[in-house]
PDB file of N, CA and C in Angstrom:
ATOM      1  N   UNK A   1      -2.658  29.994  -4.110  1.00  0.00           N
ATOM      2  CA  UNK A   1      -1.981  29.167  -5.009  1.00  0.00           C
ATOM      3  C   UNK A   1      -2.805  27.949  -5.441  1.00  0.00           C
ATOM      4  N   UNK A   2      -3.634  27.444  -4.551  1.00  0.00           N
ATOM      5  CA  UNK A   2      -4.428  26.229  -4.927  1.00  0.00           C
ATOM      6  C   UNK A   2      -5.734  26.630  -5.459  1.00  0.00           C
ATOM      7  N   UNK A   3      -5.753  27.097  -6.725  1.00  0.00           N
ATOM      8  CA  UNK A   3      -7.014  27.444  -7.356  1.00  0.00           C
ATOM      9  C   UNK A   3      -7.320  26.404  -8.377  1.00  0.00           C
ATOM     10  N   UNK A   4      -6.330  25.685  -8.879  1.00  0.00           N
ATOM     11  CA  UNK A   4      -6.472  24.641  -9.886  1.00  0.00           C
ATOM     12  C   UNK A   4      -6.011  23.313  -9.306  1.00  0.00           C
ATOM     13  N   UNK A   5      -6.997  22.568  -8.693  1.00  0.00           N
ATOM     14  CA  UNK A   5      -6.652  21.313  -8.016  1.00  0.00           C
ATOM     15  C   UNK A   5      -5.967  20.285  -8.979  1.00  0.00           C
ATOM     16  N   UNK A   6      -6.374  20.252 -10.218  1.00  0.00           N
ATOM     17  CA  UNK A   6      -5.791  19.318 -11.120  1.00  0.00           C
ATOM     18  C   UNK A   6      -4.402  19.652 -11.405  1.00  0.00           C
ATOM     19  N   UNK A   7      -4.052  20.919 -11.612  1.00  0.00           N
ATOM     20  CA  UNK A   7      -2.713  21.432 -11.867  1.00  0.00           C
ATOM     21  C   UNK A   7      -1.813  21.120 -10.664  1.00  0.00           C
ATOM     22  N   UNK A   8      -2.235  21.415  -9.471  1.00  0.00           N
ATOM     23  CA  UNK A   8      -1.434  21.162  -8.226  1.00  0.00           C
ATOM     24  C   UNK A   8      -1.151  19.681  -8.089  1.00  0.00           C
ATOM     25  N   UNK A   9      -2.137  18.819  -8.411  1.00  0.00           N
ATOM     26  CA  UNK A   9      -1.883  17.401  -8.321  1.00  0.00           C
ATOM     27  C   UNK A   9      -0.885  16.959  -9.454  1.00  0.00           C
ATOM     28  N   UNK A  10      -1.041  17.500 -10.598  1.00  0.00           N
ATOM     29  CA  UNK A  10      -0.149  17.146 -11.696  1.00  0.00           C
ATOM     30  C   UNK A  10       1.301  17.586 -11.426  1.00  0.00           C
ATOM     31  N   UNK A  11       1.503  18.824 -10.930  1.00  0.00           N
ATOM     32  CA  UNK A  11       2.871  19.363 -10.766  1.00  0.00           C
ATOM     33  C   UNK A  11       3.489  18.796  -9.543  1.00  0.00           C
ATOM     34  N   UNK A  12       2.764  18.719  -8.345  1.00  0.00           N
ATOM     35  CA  UNK A  12       3.373  18.328  -7.088  1.00  0.00           C
ATOM     36  C   UNK A  12       2.870  16.985  -6.523  1.00  0.00           C
ATOM     37  N   UNK A  13       1.847  16.398  -7.159  1.00  0.00           N
ATOM     38  CA  UNK A  13       1.378  15.181  -6.635  1.00  0.00           C
ATOM     39  C   UNK A  13       0.552  15.403  -5.324  1.00  0.00           C
ATOM     40  N   UNK A  14       0.046  16.680  -5.100  1.00  0.00           N
ATOM     41  CA  UNK A  14      -0.704  16.946  -3.918  1.00  0.00           C
ATOM     42  C   UNK A  14      -2.143  16.957  -4.244  1.00  0.00           C
ATOM     43  N   UNK A  15      -2.828  15.934  -3.694  1.00  0.00           N
ATOM     44  CA  UNK A  15      -4.321  15.798  -3.864  1.00  0.00           C
ATOM     45  C   UNK A  15      -4.914  16.737  -2.897  1.00  0.00           C
ATOM     46  N   UNK A  16      -5.448  17.895  -3.373  1.00  0.00           N
ATOM     47  CA  UNK A  16      -6.038  18.852  -2.515  1.00  0.00           C
ATOM     48  C   UNK A  16      -7.515  18.464  -2.254  1.00  0.00           C
ATOM     49  N   UNK A  17      -7.746  18.037  -1.037  1.00  0.00           N
ATOM     50  CA  UNK A  17      -9.030  17.602  -0.639  1.00  0.00           C
ATOM     51  C   UNK A  17      -9.383  18.347   0.639  1.00  0.00           C
ATOM     52  N   UNK A  18     -10.529  19.050   0.507  1.00  0.00           N
ATOM     53  CA  UNK A  18     -11.001  19.859   1.709  1.00  0.00           C
ATOM     54  C   UNK A  18     -11.997  18.980   2.417  1.00  0.00           C
ATOM     55  N   UNK A  19     -11.565  18.468   3.615  1.00  0.00           N
ATOM     56  CA  UNK A  19     -12.326  17.500   4.284  1.00  0.00           C
ATOM     57  C   UNK A  19     -13.149  18.076   5.486  1.00  0.00           C
ATOM     58  N   UNK A  20     -13.283  19.346   5.462  1.00  0.00           N
ATOM     59  CA  UNK A  20     -13.988  20.099   6.572  1.00  0.00           C
ATOM     60  C   UNK A  20     -15.384  19.427   6.823  1.00  0.00           C
ATOM     61  N   UNK A  21     -16.099  19.187   5.738  1.00  0.00           N
ATOM     62  CA  UNK A  21     -17.472  18.695   5.961  1.00  0.00           C
ATOM     63  C   UNK A  21     -17.608  17.184   5.995  1.00  0.00           C
ATOM     64  N   UNK A  22     -16.478  16.471   5.934  1.00  0.00           N
ATOM     65  CA  UNK A  22     -16.517  14.989   6.153  1.00  0.00           C
ATOM     66  C   UNK A  22     -16.549  14.683   7.625  1.00  0.00           C
ATOM     67  N   UNK A  23     -17.224  13.612   8.080  1.00  0.00           N
ATOM     68  CA  UNK A  23     -17.051  13.182   9.410  1.00  0.00           C
ATOM     69  C   UNK A  23     -15.620  12.911   9.786  1.00  0.00           C
ATOM     70  N   UNK A  24     -15.182  13.120  10.947  1.00  0.00           N
ATOM     71  CA  UNK A  24     -13.787  12.959  11.376  1.00  0.00           C
ATOM     72  C   UNK A  24     -13.252  11.578  11.024  1.00  0.00           C
ATOM     73  N   UNK A  25     -14.148  10.552  11.231  1.00  0.00           N
ATOM     74  CA  UNK A  25     -13.704   9.158  10.949  1.00  0.00           C
ATOM     75  C   UNK A  25     -13.478   8.869   9.462  1.00  0.00           C
ATOM     76  N   UNK A  26     -13.988   9.685   8.590  1.00  0.00           N
ATOM     77  CA  UNK A  26     -13.845   9.477   7.141  1.00  0.00           C
ATOM     78  C   UNK A  26     -12.782  10.313   6.513  1.00  0.00           C
ATOM     79  N   UNK A  27     -12.104  11.187   7.312  1.00  0.00           N
ATOM     80  CA  UNK A  27     -11.078  12.082   6.717  1.00  0.00           C
ATOM     81  C   UNK A  27      -9.850  11.284   6.562  1.00  0.00           C
ATOM     82  N   UNK A  28      -9.250  11.483   5.418  1.00  0.00           N
ATOM     83  CA  UNK A  28      -7.907  10.858   5.101  1.00  0.00           C
ATOM     84  C   UNK A  28      -6.760  11.616   5.797  1.00  0.00           C
ATOM     85  N   UNK A  29      -6.781  12.917   5.647  1.00  0.00           N
ATOM     86  CA  UNK A  29      -5.676  13.764   6.179  1.00  0.00           C
ATOM     87  C   UNK A  29      -6.050  14.537   7.402  1.00  0.00           C
ATOM     88  N   UNK A  30      -7.165  15.289   7.319  1.00  0.00           N
ATOM     89  CA  UNK A  30      -7.498  16.149   8.406  1.00  0.00           C
ATOM     90  C   UNK A  30      -8.582  17.193   8.006  1.00  0.00           C
ATOM     91  N   UNK A  31      -8.871  18.042   8.893  1.00  0.00           N
ATOM     92  CA  UNK A  31      -9.881  19.118   8.667  1.00  0.00           C
ATOM     93  C   UNK A  31      -9.516  19.957   7.516  1.00  0.00           C
ATOM     94  N   UNK A  32      -8.292  20.524   7.479  1.00  0.00           N
ATOM     95  CA  UNK A  32      -7.885  21.383   6.397  1.00  0.00           C
ATOM     96  C   UNK A  32      -6.328  21.223   6.334  1.00  0.00           C
ATOM     97  N   UNK A  33      -5.875  20.566   5.296  1.00  0.00           N
ATOM     98  CA  UNK A  33      -4.463  20.254   5.226  1.00  0.00           C
ATOM     99  C   UNK A  33      -3.838  21.096   4.115  1.00  0.00           C
ATOM    100  N   UNK A  34      -2.647  21.574   4.403  1.00  0.00           N
ATOM    101  CA  UNK A  34      -1.873  22.400   3.463  1.00  0.00           C
ATOM    102  C   UNK A  34      -0.631  21.655   2.971  1.00  0.00           C
ATOM    103  N   UNK A  35      -0.202  21.885   1.729  1.00  0.00           N
ATOM    104  CA  UNK A  35       1.043  21.295   1.269  1.00  0.00           C
ATOM    105  C   UNK A  35       2.262  21.906   1.821  1.00  0.00           C
ATOM    106  N   UNK A  36       3.343  21.162   1.975  1.00  0.00           N
ATOM    107  CA  UNK A  36       4.595  21.680   2.318  1.00  0.00           C
ATOM    108  C   UNK A  36       5.527  21.499   1.149  1.00  0.00           C
ATOM    109  N   UNK A  37       5.905  22.671   0.625  1.00  0.00           N
ATOM    110  CA  UNK A  37       6.809  22.766  -0.538  1.00  0.00           C
ATOM    111  C   UNK A  37       8.125  23.202  -0.036  1.00  0.00           C
ATOM    112  N   UNK A  38       9.137  22.490  -0.522  1.00  0.00           N
ATOM    113  CA  UNK A  38      10.531  22.932  -0.180  1.00  0.00           C
ATOM    114  C   UNK A  38      11.380  22.815  -1.427  1.00  0.00           C
ATOM    115  N   UNK A  39      11.939  23.931  -1.840  1.00  0.00           N
ATOM    116  CA  UNK A  39      12.765  23.946  -3.075  1.00  0.00           C
ATOM    117  C   UNK A  39      11.996  23.374  -4.296  1.00  0.00           C
ATOM    118  N   UNK A  40      10.785  23.653  -4.327  1.00  0.00           N
ATOM    119  CA  UNK A  40       9.948  23.238  -5.538  1.00  0.00           C
ATOM    120  C   UNK A  40       9.441  21.846  -5.496  1.00  0.00           C
ATOM    121  N   UNK A  41       9.618  21.145  -4.427  1.00  0.00           N
ATOM    122  CA  UNK A  41       9.154  19.772  -4.297  1.00  0.00           C
ATOM    123  C   UNK A  41       8.157  19.639  -3.148  1.00  0.00           C
ATOM    124  N   UNK A  42       7.186  18.795  -3.376  1.00  0.00           N
ATOM    125  CA  UNK A  42       6.238  18.519  -2.263  1.00  0.00           C
ATOM    126  C   UNK A  42       6.922  17.608  -1.302  1.00  0.00           C
ATOM    127  N   UNK A  43       7.170  17.993  -0.027  1.00  0.00           N
ATOM    128  CA  UNK A  43       7.874  17.198   0.945  1.00  0.00           C
ATOM    129  C   UNK A  43       6.911  16.694   2.064  1.00  0.00           C
ATOM    130  N   UNK A  44       5.714  17.235   2.125  1.00  0.00           N
ATOM    131  CA  UNK A  44       4.778  16.781   3.127  1.00  0.00           C
ATOM    132  C   UNK A  44       3.557  17.637   3.120  1.00  0.00           C
ATOM    133  N   UNK A  45       2.726  17.385   4.135  1.00  0.00           N
ATOM    134  CA  UNK A  45       1.475  18.054   4.384  1.00  0.00           C
ATOM    135  C   UNK A  45       1.344  18.367   5.842  1.00  0.00           C
ATOM    136  N   UNK A  46       0.616  19.419   6.118  1.00  0.00           N
ATOM    137  CA  UNK A  46       0.406  19.660   7.571  1.00  0.00           C
ATOM    138  C   UNK A  46      -0.926  20.307   7.841  1.00  0.00           C
ATOM    139  N   UNK A  47      -1.402  20.166   9.012  1.00  0.00           N
ATOM    140  CA  UNK A  47      -2.611  20.763   9.500  1.00  0.00           C
ATOM    141  C   UNK A  47      -2.332  21.584  10.734  1.00  0.00           C
ATOM    142  N   UNK A  48      -2.775  22.798  10.797  1.00  0.00           N
ATOM    143  CA  UNK A  48      -2.502  23.723  11.859  1.00  0.00           C
ATOM    144  C   UNK A  48      -3.720  24.683  12.109  1.00  0.00           C
ATOM    145  N   UNK A  49      -3.620  25.351  13.202  1.00  0.00           N
ATOM    146  CA  UNK A  49      -4.635  26.334  13.461  1.00  0.00           C
ATOM    147  C   UNK A  49      -4.013  27.444  14.342  1.00  0.00           C
ATOM    148  N   UNK A  50      -4.647  28.612  14.290  1.00  0.00           N
ATOM    149  CA  UNK A  50      -4.201  29.771  15.087  1.00  0.00           C
ATOM    150  C   UNK A  50      -4.852  29.671  16.509  1.00  0.00           C
ATOM    151  N   UNK A  51      -3.980  29.996  17.425  1.00  0.00           N
ATOM    152  CA  UNK A  51      -4.431  29.954  18.859  1.00  0.00           C
ATOM    153  C   UNK A  51      -3.611  30.927  19.680  1.00  0.00           C
ATOM    154  N   UNK A  52      -4.246  31.755  20.432  1.00  0.00           N
ATOM    155  CA  UNK A  52      -3.581  32.736  21.290  1.00  0.00           C
ATOM    156  C   UNK A  52      -2.481  33.505  20.550  1.00  0.00           C
ATOM    157  N   UNK A  53      -2.789  33.956  19.333  1.00  0.00           N
ATOM    158  CA  UNK A  53      -1.814  34.771  18.560  1.00  0.00           C
ATOM    159  C   UNK A  53      -0.712  33.993  17.919  1.00  0.00           C
ATOM    160  N   UNK A  54      -0.736  32.624  18.076  1.00  0.00           N
ATOM    161  CA  UNK A  54       0.315  31.787  17.499  1.00  0.00           C
ATOM    162  C   UNK A  54      -0.261  30.824  16.575  1.00  0.00           C
ATOM    163  N   UNK A  55       0.547  29.923  16.081  1.00  0.00           N
ATOM    164  CA  UNK A  55       0.119  28.832  15.179  1.00  0.00           C
ATOM    165  C   UNK A  55       0.484  27.495  15.896  1.00  0.00           C
ATOM    166  N   UNK A  56      -0.547  26.677  16.050  1.00  0.00           N
ATOM    167  CA  UNK A  56      -0.388  25.343  16.609  1.00  0.00           C
ATOM    168  C   UNK A  56      -0.398  24.345  15.507  1.00  0.00           C
ATOM    169  N   UNK A  57       0.589  23.519  15.321  1.00  0.00           N
ATOM    170  CA  UNK A  57       0.698  22.512  14.296  1.00  0.00           C
ATOM    171  C   UNK A  57       0.001  21.275  14.895  1.00  0.00           C
ATOM    172  N   UNK A  58      -1.031  20.811  14.249  1.00  0.00           N
ATOM    173  CA  UNK A  58      -1.793  19.663  14.788  1.00  0.00           C
ATOM    174  C   UNK A  58      -1.111  18.341  14.312  1.00  0.00           C
ATOM    175  N   UNK A  59      -0.813  18.259  13.030  1.00  0.00           N
ATOM    176  CA  UNK A  59      -0.261  17.056  12.491  1.00  0.00           C
ATOM    177  C   UNK A  59       0.668  17.392  11.285  1.00  0.00           C
ATOM    178  N   UNK A  60       1.711  16.605  11.068  1.00  0.00           N
ATOM    179  CA  UNK A  60       2.534  16.757   9.930  1.00  0.00           C
ATOM    180  C   UNK A  60       2.666  15.380   9.328  1.00  0.00           C
ATOM    181  N   UNK A  61       2.468  15.288   8.006  1.00  0.00           N
ATOM    182  CA  UNK A  61       2.571  14.048   7.235  1.00  0.00           C
ATOM    183  C   UNK A  61       3.698  14.177   6.275  1.00  0.00           C
ATOM    184  N   UNK A  62       4.890  13.626   6.476  1.00  0.00           N
ATOM    185  CA  UNK A  62       5.972  13.705   5.510  1.00  0.00           C
ATOM    186  C   UNK A  62       5.621  12.828   4.267  1.00  0.00           C
ATOM    187  N   UNK A  63       6.051  13.292   3.147  1.00  0.00           N
ATOM    188  CA  UNK A  63       5.790  12.446   1.929  1.00  0.00           C
ATOM    189  C   UNK A  63       6.757  11.202   1.952  1.00  0.00           C
ATOM    190  N   UNK A  64       7.940  11.386   2.520  1.00  0.00           N
ATOM    191  CA  UNK A  64       8.858  10.282   2.673  1.00  0.00           C
ATOM    192  C   UNK A  64       9.661  10.580   3.952  1.00  0.00           C
ATOM    193  N   UNK A  65      10.085   9.483   4.627  1.00  0.00           N
ATOM    194  CA  UNK A  65      10.930   9.675   5.855  1.00  0.00           C
ATOM    195  C   UNK A  65      12.039  10.652   5.590  1.00  0.00           C
ATOM    196  N   UNK A  66      12.173  11.629   6.489  1.00  0.00           N
ATOM    197  CA  UNK A  66      13.247  12.590   6.405  1.00  0.00           C
ATOM    198  C   UNK A  66      13.115  13.622   5.343  1.00  0.00           C
ATOM    199  N   UNK A  67      11.952  13.671   4.654  1.00  0.00           N
ATOM    200  CA  UNK A  67      11.784  14.676   3.629  1.00  0.00           C
ATOM    201  C   UNK A  67      11.536  16.074   4.090  1.00  0.00           C
ATOM    202  N   UNK A  68      11.207  16.301   5.317  1.00  0.00           N
ATOM    203  CA  UNK A  68      10.853  17.627   5.806  1.00  0.00           C
ATOM    204  C   UNK A  68      12.135  18.186   6.586  1.00  0.00           C
ATOM    205  N   UNK A  69      12.536  19.300   6.249  1.00  0.00           N
ATOM    206  CA  UNK A  69      13.576  19.995   6.899  1.00  0.00           C
ATOM    207  C   UNK A  69      13.023  20.654   8.188  1.00  0.00           C
ATOM    208  N   UNK A  70      13.182  20.044   9.327  1.00  0.00           N
ATOM    209  CA  UNK A  70      12.504  20.531  10.551  1.00  0.00           C
ATOM    210  C   UNK A  70      12.823  21.973  10.839  1.00  0.00           C
ATOM    211  N   UNK A  71      14.042  22.401  10.698  1.00  0.00           N
ATOM    212  CA  UNK A  71      14.441  23.767  10.965  1.00  0.00           C
ATOM    213  C   UNK A  71      13.737  24.755  10.064  1.00  0.00           C
ATOM    214  N   UNK A  72      13.623  24.425   8.738  1.00  0.00           N
ATOM    215  CA  UNK A  72      12.979  25.259   7.839  1.00  0.00           C
ATOM    216  C   UNK A  72      11.466  25.287   8.079  1.00  0.00           C
ATOM    217  N   UNK A  73      10.875  24.185   8.441  1.00  0.00           N
ATOM    218  CA  UNK A  73       9.465  24.161   8.806  1.00  0.00           C
ATOM    219  C   UNK A  73       9.160  24.919  10.042  1.00  0.00           C
ATOM    220  N   UNK A  74      10.012  24.888  11.088  1.00  0.00           N
ATOM    221  CA  UNK A  74       9.804  25.658  12.288  1.00  0.00           C
ATOM    222  C   UNK A  74       9.968  27.112  11.955  1.00  0.00           C
ATOM    223  N   UNK A  75      10.913  27.497  11.094  1.00  0.00           N
ATOM    224  CA  UNK A  75      11.075  28.896  10.722  1.00  0.00           C
ATOM    225  C   UNK A  75       9.783  29.424   9.975  1.00  0.00           C
ATOM    226  N   UNK A  76       9.275  28.647   9.041  1.00  0.00           N
ATOM    227  CA  UNK A  76       8.104  29.029   8.305  1.00  0.00           C
ATOM    228  C   UNK A  76       6.900  29.182   9.210  1.00  0.00           C
ATOM    229  N   UNK A  77       6.747  28.272  10.197  1.00  0.00           N
ATOM    230  CA  UNK A  77       5.611  28.443  11.136  1.00  0.00           C
ATOM    231  C   UNK A  77       5.769  29.643  12.041  1.00  0.00           C
ATOM    232  N   UNK A  78       7.001  29.959  12.427  1.00  0.00           N
ATOM    233  CA  UNK A  78       7.214  31.275  13.173  1.00  0.00           C
ATOM    234  C   UNK A  78       6.796  32.410  12.304  1.00  0.00           C
ATOM    235  N   UNK A  79       7.219  32.473  11.042  1.00  0.00           N
ATOM    236  CA  UNK A  79       6.868  33.584  10.186  1.00  0.00           C
ATOM    237  C   UNK A  79       5.390  33.675   9.964  1.00  0.00           C
ATOM    238  N   UNK A  80       4.736  32.529   9.792  1.00  0.00           N
ATOM    239  CA  UNK A  80       3.285  32.461   9.660  1.00  0.00           C
ATOM    240  C   UNK A  80       2.605  33.008  10.947  1.00  0.00           C
ATOM    241  N   UNK A  81       3.088  32.653  12.054  1.00  0.00           N
ATOM    242  CA  UNK A  81       2.532  33.168  13.343  1.00  0.00           C
ATOM    243  C   UNK A  81       2.739  34.686  13.508  1.00  0.00           C
ATOM    244  N   UNK A  82       3.847  35.186  12.952  1.00  0.00           N
ATOM    245  CA  UNK A  82       4.084  36.601  13.063  1.00  0.00           C
ATOM    246  C   UNK A  82       3.157  37.458  12.141  1.00  0.00           C
ATOM    247  N   UNK A  83       2.742  36.793  11.080  1.00  0.00           N
ATOM    248  CA  UNK A  83       1.863  37.486  10.041  1.00  0.00           C
ATOM    249  C   UNK A  83       0.466  37.541  10.578  1.00  0.00           C
ATOM    250  N   UNK A  84       0.044  38.711  10.996  1.00  0.00           N
ATOM    251  CA  UNK A  84      -1.272  38.866  11.567  1.00  0.00           C
ATOM    252  C   UNK A  84      -2.159  39.240  10.542  1.00  0.00           C
TER     253      UNK A  84
END
């Protein structure tokens, strides 16, 4: 979905920055951050990685306090982990 960075920023306000090659101290969000969309709205960002057949969430950044539905996020992570 993130093929047009300008469009994604215009529609959801998500600045897609791939910080893989930046030194850790200069990263704003993290190594590789994904948007969290819920009901068509950007509610946060998260960084995760696969480990031992599962998904480990490293960091979650909500756009606003309470903007992330924790149960919906956990369900999405479970579904992501199940998709091999």
